[in-house]
Amino acid sequence: MPDIILPDVLNYRLIGDPRSKIAALDTIPSVNYSKLHLVQPYLDELRRRSSARTATNQDSIYTRQDIDLFQNAGRQTPRSMNANV
């Protein structure tokens, strides 16, 4: 899990078959490692600066608009194209 998450429309899309119980990463064995926590003392400041940058960055603004459009499209009620229904 990343310490700082940048907005990305792919984080909000359902990819693959939602009925599938098997995820691709389930078959990869985990690796033991030691966390160094070197960035931990700076995380609050880094997150604050990242938020300030993404709030004014035009690409980030477009990405947030795409995320909003995608989420709103998912909330719409499907309608039949058949006029008799």
PDB file of N, CA and C in Angstrom:
ATOM      1  N   MET A   1       0.844  -1.174   0.000  1.00  0.00           N
ATOM      2  CA  MET A   1       0.000   0.000   0.000  1.00  0.00           C
ATOM      3  C   MET A   1       0.890   1.238   0.000  1.00  0.00           C
ATOM      4  N   PRO A   2       0.686   2.143  -0.956  1.00  0.00           N
ATOM      5  CA  PRO A   2       1.523   3.340  -1.007  1.00  0.00           C
ATOM      6  C   PRO A   2       1.215   4.297   0.142  1.00  0.00           C
ATOM      7  N   ASP A   3       2.200   5.089   0.514  1.00  0.00           N
ATOM      8  CA  ASP A   3       2.019   6.081   1.573  1.00  0.00           C
ATOM      9  C   ASP A   3       1.204   7.279   1.081  1.00  0.00           C
ATOM     10  N   ILE A   4       1.408   7.641  -0.186  1.00  0.00           N
ATOM     11  CA  ILE A   4       0.685   8.760  -0.785  1.00  0.00           C
ATOM     12  C   ILE A   4      -0.033   8.229  -2.012  1.00  0.00           C
ATOM     13  N   ILE A   5      -1.341   8.414  -2.060  1.00  0.00           N
ATOM     14  CA  ILE A   5      -2.136   7.897  -3.168  1.00  0.00           C
ATOM     15  C   ILE A   5      -2.567   9.056  -4.059  1.00  0.00           C
ATOM     16  N   LEU A   6      -2.193   8.974  -5.332  1.00  0.00           N
ATOM     17  CA  LEU A   6      -2.600   9.975  -6.300  1.00  0.00           C
ATOM     18  C   LEU A   6      -3.931   9.547  -6.916  1.00  0.00           C
ATOM     19  N   PRO A   7      -4.808  10.493  -7.209  1.00  0.00           N
ATOM     20  CA  PRO A   7      -6.093  10.126  -7.792  1.00  0.00           C
ATOM     21  C   PRO A   7      -5.897   9.471  -9.157  1.00  0.00           C
ATOM     22  N   ASP A   8      -6.630   8.393  -9.386  1.00  0.00           N
ATOM     23  CA  ASP A   8      -6.545   7.664 -10.644  1.00  0.00           C
ATOM     24  C   ASP A   8      -7.896   7.013 -10.905  1.00  0.00           C
ATOM     25  N   VAL A   9      -8.452   7.241 -12.080  1.00  0.00           N
ATOM     26  CA  VAL A   9      -9.772   6.701 -12.402  1.00  0.00           C
ATOM     27  C   VAL A   9      -9.753   5.177 -12.368  1.00  0.00           C
ATOM     28  N   LEU A  10      -8.633   4.546 -12.608  1.00  0.00           N
ATOM     29  CA  LEU A  10      -8.557   3.085 -12.587  1.00  0.00           C
ATOM     30  C   LEU A  10      -8.808   2.519 -11.191  1.00  0.00           C
ATOM     31  N   ASN A  11      -8.593   3.317 -10.161  1.00  0.00           N
ATOM     32  CA  ASN A  11      -8.884   2.863  -8.801  1.00  0.00           C
ATOM     33  C   ASN A  11     -10.384   2.717  -8.565  1.00  0.00           C
ATOM     34  N   TYR A  12     -11.196   3.334  -9.419  1.00  0.00           N
ATOM     35  CA  TYR A  12     -12.633   3.332  -9.234  1.00  0.00           C
ATOM     36  C   TYR A  12     -13.360   2.440 -10.233  1.00  0.00           C
ATOM     37  N   ARG A  13     -12.619   1.813 -11.131  1.00  0.00           N
ATOM     38  CA  ARG A  13     -13.230   0.949 -12.144  1.00  0.00           C
ATOM     39  C   ARG A  13     -13.160  -0.489 -11.696  1.00  0.00           C
ATOM     40  N   LEU A  14     -14.206  -1.216 -12.011  1.00  0.00           N
ATOM     41  CA  LEU A  14     -14.224  -2.643 -11.756  1.00  0.00           C
ATOM     42  C   LEU A  14     -13.553  -3.311 -12.942  1.00  0.00           C
ATOM     43  N   ILE A  15     -12.441  -3.958 -12.691  1.00  0.00           N
ATOM     44  CA  ILE A  15     -11.686  -4.607 -13.758  1.00  0.00           C
ATOM     45  C   ILE A  15     -11.773  -6.108 -13.552  1.00  0.00           C
ATOM     46  N   GLY A  16     -12.106  -6.825 -14.592  1.00  0.00           N
ATOM     47  CA  GLY A  16     -12.220  -8.271 -14.494  1.00  0.00           C
ATOM     48  C   GLY A  16     -13.643  -8.693 -14.186  1.00  0.00           C
ATOM     49  N   ASP A  17     -13.818  -9.957 -13.954  1.00  0.00           N
ATOM     50  CA  ASP A  17     -15.138 -10.526 -13.684  1.00  0.00           C
ATOM     51  C   ASP A  17     -15.417 -10.443 -12.193  1.00  0.00           C
ATOM     52  N   PRO A  18     -16.430  -9.669 -11.771  1.00  0.00           N
ATOM     53  CA  PRO A  18     -16.699  -9.525 -10.339  1.00  0.00           C
ATOM     54  C   PRO A  18     -17.144 -10.832  -9.686  1.00  0.00           C
ATOM     55  N   ARG A  19     -17.569 -11.810 -10.484  1.00  0.00           N
ATOM     56  CA  ARG A  19     -18.001 -13.090  -9.936  1.00  0.00           C
ATOM     57  C   ARG A  19     -16.825 -14.015  -9.638  1.00  0.00           C
ATOM     58  N   SER A  20     -15.659 -13.682 -10.178  1.00  0.00           N
ATOM     59  CA  SER A  20     -14.492 -14.533  -9.987  1.00  0.00           C
ATOM     60  C   SER A  20     -13.998 -14.430  -8.543  1.00  0.00           C
ATOM     61  N   LYS A  21     -13.745 -15.564  -7.930  1.00  0.00           N
ATOM     62  CA  LYS A  21     -13.261 -15.586  -6.540  1.00  0.00           C
ATOM     63  C   LYS A  21     -11.735 -15.576  -6.478  1.00  0.00           C
ATOM     64  N   ILE A  22     -11.086 -15.720  -7.620  1.00  0.00           N
ATOM     65  CA  ILE A  22      -9.625 -15.817  -7.651  1.00  0.00           C
ATOM     66  C   ILE A  22      -9.052 -14.506  -8.172  1.00  0.00           C
ATOM     67  N   ALA A  23      -8.195 -13.896  -7.394  1.00  0.00           N
ATOM     68  CA  ALA A  23      -7.494 -12.691  -7.823  1.00  0.00           C
ATOM     69  C   ALA A  23      -6.117 -13.093  -8.332  1.00  0.00           C
ATOM     70  N   ALA A  24      -5.597 -12.337  -9.282  1.00  0.00           N
ATOM     71  CA  ALA A  24      -4.308 -12.675  -9.887  1.00  0.00           C
ATOM     72  C   ALA A  24      -3.186 -12.713  -8.857  1.00  0.00           C
ATOM     73  N   LEU A  25      -3.242 -11.833  -7.877  1.00  0.00           N
ATOM     74  CA  LEU A  25      -2.161 -11.779  -6.895  1.00  0.00           C
ATOM     75  C   LEU A  25      -2.256 -12.868  -5.836  1.00  0.00           C
ATOM     76  N   ASP A  26      -3.343 -13.609  -5.810  1.00  0.00           N
ATOM     77  CA  ASP A  26      -3.480 -14.686  -4.827  1.00  0.00           C
ATOM     78  C   ASP A  26      -2.459 -15.792  -5.034  1.00  0.00           C
ATOM     79  N   THR A  27      -1.941 -15.920  -6.236  1.00  0.00           N
ATOM     80  CA  THR A  27      -1.028 -17.023  -6.530  1.00  0.00           C
ATOM     81  C   THR A  27       0.433 -16.648  -6.332  1.00  0.00           C
ATOM     82  N   ILE A  28       0.715 -15.402  -6.016  1.00  0.00           N
ATOM     83  CA  ILE A  28       2.093 -14.959  -5.820  1.00  0.00           C
ATOM     84  C   ILE A  28       2.424 -15.020  -4.331  1.00  0.00           C
ATOM     85  N   PRO A  29       3.445 -15.809  -3.961  1.00  0.00           N
ATOM     86  CA  PRO A  29       3.773 -15.899  -2.535  1.00  0.00           C
ATOM     87  C   PRO A  29       4.360 -14.579  -2.022  1.00  0.00           C
ATOM     88  N   SER A  30       4.042 -14.254  -0.777  1.00  0.00           N
ATOM     89  CA  SER A  30       4.572 -13.025  -0.196  1.00  0.00           C
ATOM     90  C   SER A  30       6.044 -13.191   0.164  1.00  0.00           C
ATOM     91  N   VAL A  31       6.703 -12.068   0.313  1.00  0.00           N
ATOM     92  CA  VAL A  31       8.125 -12.039   0.627  1.00  0.00           C
ATOM     93  C   VAL A  31       8.295 -11.382   1.988  1.00  0.00           C
ATOM     94  N   ASN A  32       9.163 -11.929   2.802  1.00  0.00           N
ATOM     95  CA  ASN A  32       9.470 -11.317   4.096  1.00  0.00           C
ATOM     96  C   ASN A  32      10.443 -10.165   3.878  1.00  0.00           C
ATOM     97  N   TYR A  33      10.165  -9.047   4.528  1.00  0.00           N
ATOM     98  CA  TYR A  33      11.056  -7.894   4.441  1.00  0.00           C
ATOM     99  C   TYR A  33      10.916  -7.071   5.714  1.00  0.00           C
ATOM    100  N   SER A  34      11.919  -6.254   5.969  1.00  0.00           N
ATOM    101  CA  SER A  34      11.904  -5.378   7.143  1.00  0.00           C
ATOM    102  C   SER A  34      11.568  -3.962   6.700  1.00  0.00           C
ATOM    103  N   LYS A  35      10.561  -3.366   7.318  1.00  0.00           N
ATOM    104  CA  LYS A  35      10.230  -1.982   7.012  1.00  0.00           C
ATOM    105  C   LYS A  35      11.228  -1.076   7.714  1.00  0.00           C
ATOM    106  N   LEU A  36      11.748  -0.112   6.972  1.00  0.00           N
ATOM    107  CA  LEU A  36      12.725   0.800   7.543  1.00  0.00           C
ATOM    108  C   LEU A  36      12.082   2.016   8.198  1.00  0.00           C
ATOM    109  N   HIS A  37      10.871   2.363   7.779  1.00  0.00           N
ATOM    110  CA  HIS A  37      10.142   3.512   8.336  1.00  0.00           C
ATOM    111  C   HIS A  37      10.934   4.818   8.232  1.00  0.00           C
ATOM    112  N   LEU A  38      11.764   4.947   7.203  1.00  0.00           N
ATOM    113  CA  LEU A  38      12.556   6.165   7.052  1.00  0.00           C
ATOM    114  C   LEU A  38      11.715   7.372   6.651  1.00  0.00           C
ATOM    115  N   VAL A  39      10.605   7.135   5.977  1.00  0.00           N
ATOM    116  CA  VAL A  39       9.773   8.231   5.508  1.00  0.00           C
ATOM    117  C   VAL A  39       8.701   8.623   6.535  1.00  0.00           C
ATOM    118  N   GLN A  40       8.464   7.778   7.497  1.00  0.00           N
ATOM    119  CA  GLN A  40       7.387   7.987   8.472  1.00  0.00           C
ATOM    120  C   GLN A  40       7.395   9.383   9.116  1.00  0.00           C
ATOM    121  N   PRO A  41       8.526   9.913   9.537  1.00  0.00           N
ATOM    122  CA  PRO A  41       8.506  11.238  10.172  1.00  0.00           C
ATOM    123  C   PRO A  41       8.090  12.365   9.215  1.00  0.00           C
ATOM    124  N   TYR A  42       8.161  12.122   7.913  1.00  0.00           N
ATOM    125  CA  TYR A  42       7.876  13.155   6.924  1.00  0.00           C
ATOM    126  C   TYR A  42       6.517  12.980   6.244  1.00  0.00           C
ATOM    127  N   LEU A  43       5.790  11.928   6.565  1.00  0.00           N
ATOM    128  CA  LEU A  43       4.563  11.603   5.834  1.00  0.00           C
ATOM    129  C   LEU A  43       3.501  12.697   5.888  1.00  0.00           C
ATOM    130  N   ASP A  44       3.253  13.271   7.033  1.00  0.00           N
ATOM    131  CA  ASP A  44       2.230  14.313   7.126  1.00  0.00           C
ATOM    132  C   ASP A  44       2.552  15.485   6.212  1.00  0.00           C
ATOM    133  N   GLU A  45       3.801  15.926   6.225  1.00  0.00           N
ATOM    134  CA  GLU A  45       4.217  17.046   5.361  1.00  0.00           C
ATOM    135  C   GLU A  45       4.160  16.646   3.888  1.00  0.00           C
ATOM    136  N   LEU A  46       4.581  15.439   3.562  1.00  0.00           N
ATOM    137  CA  LEU A  46       4.541  14.971   2.173  1.00  0.00           C
ATOM    138  C   LEU A  46       3.099  14.867   1.665  1.00  0.00           C
ATOM    139  N   ARG A  47       2.203  14.361   2.497  1.00  0.00           N
ATOM    140  CA  ARG A  47       0.799  14.275   2.101  1.00  0.00           C
ATOM    141  C   ARG A  47       0.194  15.656   1.907  1.00  0.00           C
ATOM    142  N   ARG A  48       0.537  16.581   2.787  1.00  0.00           N
ATOM    143  CA  ARG A  48       0.030  17.954   2.671  1.00  0.00           C
ATOM    144  C   ARG A  48       0.516  18.586   1.368  1.00  0.00           C
ATOM    145  N   ARG A  49       1.790  18.435   1.064  1.00  0.00           N
ATOM    146  CA  ARG A  49       2.339  19.010  -0.167  1.00  0.00           C
ATOM    147  C   ARG A  49       1.747  18.341  -1.409  1.00  0.00           C
ATOM    148  N   SER A  50       1.560  17.039  -1.342  1.00  0.00           N
ATOM    149  CA  SER A  50       0.964  16.324  -2.469  1.00  0.00           C
ATOM    150  C   SER A  50      -0.458  16.811  -2.720  1.00  0.00           C
ATOM    151  N   SER A  51      -1.237  16.973  -1.652  1.00  0.00           N
ATOM    152  CA  SER A  51      -2.610  17.472  -1.790  1.00  0.00           C
ATOM    153  C   SER A  51      -2.636  18.873  -2.384  1.00  0.00           C
ATOM    154  N   ALA A  52      -1.707  19.718  -1.944  1.00  0.00           N
ATOM    155  CA  ALA A  52      -1.644  21.083  -2.464  1.00  0.00           C
ATOM    156  C   ALA A  52      -1.294  21.072  -3.955  1.00  0.00           C
ATOM    157  N   ARG A  53      -0.372  20.214  -4.358  1.00  0.00           N
ATOM    158  CA  ARG A  53       0.013  20.119  -5.766  1.00  0.00           C
ATOM    159  C   ARG A  53      -1.124  19.589  -6.628  1.00  0.00           C
ATOM    160  N   THR A  54      -1.762  18.519  -6.182  1.00  0.00           N
ATOM    161  CA  THR A  54      -2.811  17.918  -7.003  1.00  0.00           C
ATOM    162  C   THR A  54      -4.064  18.786  -7.057  1.00  0.00           C
ATOM    163  N   ALA A  55      -4.242  19.657  -6.075  1.00  0.00           N
ATOM    164  CA  ALA A  55      -5.412  20.551  -6.083  1.00  0.00           C
ATOM    165  C   ALA A  55      -5.313  21.582  -7.198  1.00  0.00           C
ATOM    166  N   THR A  56      -4.111  21.936  -7.611  1.00  0.00           N
ATOM    167  CA  THR A  56      -3.930  22.977  -8.631  1.00  0.00           C
ATOM    168  C   THR A  56      -3.380  22.439  -9.945  1.00  0.00           C
ATOM    169  N   ASN A  57      -2.964  21.177  -9.984  1.00  0.00           N
ATOM    170  CA  ASN A  57      -2.409  20.594 -11.200  1.00  0.00           C
ATOM    171  C   ASN A  57      -3.539  20.248 -12.163  1.00  0.00           C
ATOM    172  N   GLN A  58      -3.469  20.771 -13.398  1.00  0.00           N
ATOM    173  CA  GLN A  58      -4.559  20.599 -14.354  1.00  0.00           C
ATOM    174  C   GLN A  58      -4.803  19.128 -14.687  1.00  0.00           C
ATOM    175  N   ASP A  59      -3.769  18.310 -14.800  1.00  0.00           N
ATOM    176  CA  ASP A  59      -3.967  16.884 -15.070  1.00  0.00           C
ATOM    177  C   ASP A  59      -4.717  16.214 -13.924  1.00  0.00           C
ATOM    178  N   SER A  60      -4.397  16.580 -12.692  1.00  0.00           N
ATOM    179  CA  SER A  60      -5.094  16.021 -11.537  1.00  0.00           C
ATOM    180  C   SER A  60      -6.547  16.475 -11.501  1.00  0.00           C
ATOM    181  N   ILE A  61      -6.797  17.699 -11.902  1.00  0.00           N
ATOM    182  CA  ILE A  61      -8.167  18.213 -11.957  1.00  0.00           C
ATOM    183  C   ILE A  61      -8.976  17.421 -12.985  1.00  0.00           C
ATOM    184  N   TYR A  62      -8.386  17.177 -14.165  1.00  0.00           N
ATOM    185  CA  TYR A  62      -9.061  16.364 -15.181  1.00  0.00           C
ATOM    186  C   TYR A  62      -9.329  14.951 -14.664  1.00  0.00           C
ATOM    187  N   THR A  63      -8.355  14.396 -13.960  1.00  0.00           N
ATOM    188  CA  THR A  63      -8.518  13.039 -13.421  1.00  0.00           C
ATOM    189  C   THR A  63      -9.667  12.999 -12.426  1.00  0.00           C
ATOM    190  N   ARG A  64      -9.762  13.984 -11.533  1.00  0.00           N
ATOM    191  CA  ARG A  64     -10.864  14.028 -10.571  1.00  0.00           C
ATOM    192  C   ARG A  64     -12.211  14.182 -11.280  1.00  0.00           C
ATOM    193  N   GLN A  65     -12.240  14.959 -12.372  1.00  0.00           N
ATOM    194  CA  GLN A  65     -13.472  15.102 -13.148  1.00  0.00           C
ATOM    195  C   GLN A  65     -13.859  13.760 -13.775  1.00  0.00           C
ATOM    196  N   ASP A  66     -12.863  13.044 -14.299  1.00  0.00           N
ATOM    197  CA  ASP A  66     -13.135  11.714 -14.873  1.00  0.00           C
ATOM    198  C   ASP A  66     -13.669  10.759 -13.809  1.00  0.00           C
ATOM    199  N   ILE A  67     -13.085  10.810 -12.622  1.00  0.00           N
ATOM    200  CA  ILE A  67     -13.541   9.955 -11.518  1.00  0.00           C
ATOM    201  C   ILE A  67     -14.990  10.293 -11.173  1.00  0.00           C
ATOM    202  N   ASP A  68     -15.309  11.579 -11.086  1.00  0.00           N
ATOM    203  CA  ASP A  68     -16.685  11.997 -10.782  1.00  0.00           C
ATOM    204  C   ASP A  68     -17.658  11.503 -11.855  1.00  0.00           C
ATOM    205  N   LEU A  69     -17.280  11.651 -13.132  1.00  0.00           N
ATOM    206  CA  LEU A  69     -18.139  11.180 -14.224  1.00  0.00           C
ATOM    207  C   LEU A  69     -18.351   9.677 -14.134  1.00  0.00           C
ATOM    208  N   PHE A  70     -17.284   8.943 -13.869  1.00  0.00           N
ATOM    209  CA  PHE A  70     -17.379   7.487 -13.780  1.00  0.00           C
ATOM    210  C   PHE A  70     -18.282   7.075 -12.616  1.00  0.00           C
ATOM    211  N   GLN A  71     -18.095   7.707 -11.466  1.00  0.00           N
ATOM    212  CA  GLN A  71     -18.911   7.362 -10.305  1.00  0.00           C
ATOM    213  C   GLN A  71     -20.377   7.722 -10.525  1.00  0.00           C
ATOM    214  N   ASN A  72     -20.650   8.863 -11.144  1.00  0.00           N
ATOM    215  CA  ASN A  72     -22.031   9.267 -11.412  1.00  0.00           C
ATOM    216  C   ASN A  72     -22.688   8.345 -12.439  1.00  0.00           C
ATOM    217  N   ALA A  73     -21.929   7.897 -13.423  1.00  0.00           N
ATOM    218  CA  ALA A  73     -22.471   6.981 -14.427  1.00  0.00           C
ATOM    219  C   ALA A  73     -22.863   5.658 -13.779  1.00  0.00           C
ATOM    220  N   GLY A  74     -22.124   5.230 -12.779  1.00  0.00           N
ATOM    221  CA  GLY A  74     -22.422   3.985 -12.083  1.00  0.00           C
ATOM    222  C   GLY A  74     -23.674   4.081 -11.234  1.00  0.00           C
ATOM    223  N   ARG A  75     -24.075   5.282 -10.861  1.00  0.00           N
ATOM    224  CA  ARG A  75     -25.259   5.481 -10.018  1.00  0.00           C
ATOM    225  C   ARG A  75     -26.550   5.595 -10.835  1.00  0.00           C
ATOM    226  N   GLN A  76     -26.417   5.782 -12.144  1.00  0.00           N
ATOM    227  CA  GLN A  76     -27.600   5.956 -12.975  1.00  0.00           C
ATOM    228  C   GLN A  76     -28.342   4.632 -13.123  1.00  0.00           C
ATOM    229  N   THR A  77     -29.661   4.742 -13.182  1.00  0.00           N
ATOM    230  CA  THR A  77     -30.509   3.561 -13.355  1.00  0.00           C
ATOM    231  C   THR A  77     -30.506   3.162 -14.822  1.00  0.00           C
ATOM    232  N   PRO A  78     -30.196   1.895 -15.126  1.00  0.00           N
ATOM    233  CA  PRO A  78     -30.237   1.463 -16.524  1.00  0.00           C
ATOM    234  C   PRO A  78     -31.664   1.545 -17.074  1.00  0.00           C
ATOM    235  N   ARG A  79     -31.782   1.915 -18.298  1.00  0.00           N
ATOM    236  CA  ARG A  79     -33.087   2.041 -18.930  1.00  0.00           C
ATOM    237  C   ARG A  79     -33.109   1.169 -20.191  1.00  0.00           C
ATOM    238  N   SER A  80     -34.249   0.580 -20.432  1.00  0.00           N
ATOM    239  CA  SER A  80     -34.408  -0.262 -21.604  1.00  0.00           C
ATOM    240  C   SER A  80     -34.496   0.601 -22.851  1.00  0.00           C
ATOM    241  N   MET A  81     -33.863   0.134 -23.936  1.00  0.00           N
ATOM    242  CA  MET A  81     -33.984   0.825 -25.204  1.00  0.00           C
ATOM    243  C   MET A  81     -35.220   0.352 -25.959  1.00  0.00           C
ATOM    244  N   ASN A  82     -35.893  -0.643 -25.413  1.00  0.00           N
ATOM    245  CA  ASN A  82     -37.111  -1.157 -26.016  1.00  0.00           C
ATOM    246  C   ASN A  82     -38.270  -0.250 -25.611  1.00  0.00           C
ATOM    247  N   ALA A  83     -38.929   0.348 -26.557  1.00  0.00           N
ATOM    248  CA  ALA A  83     -40.011   1.312 -26.273  1.00  0.00           C
ATOM    249  C   ALA A  83     -41.232   0.636 -25.660  1.00  0.00           C
ATOM    250  N   ASN A  84     -41.348  -0.689 -25.825  1.00  0.00           N
ATOM    251  CA  ASN A  84     -42.521  -1.405 -25.308  1.00  0.00           C
ATOM    252  C   ASN A  84     -42.387  -1.783 -23.835  1.00  0.00           C
ATOM    253  N   VAL A  85     -41.243  -1.547 -23.256  1.00  0.00           N
ATOM    254  CA  VAL A  85     -41.031  -1.975 -21.866  1.00  0.00           C
ATOM    255  C   VAL A  85     -41.415  -0.888 -20.912  1.00  0.00           C
TER     256      VAL A  85
END
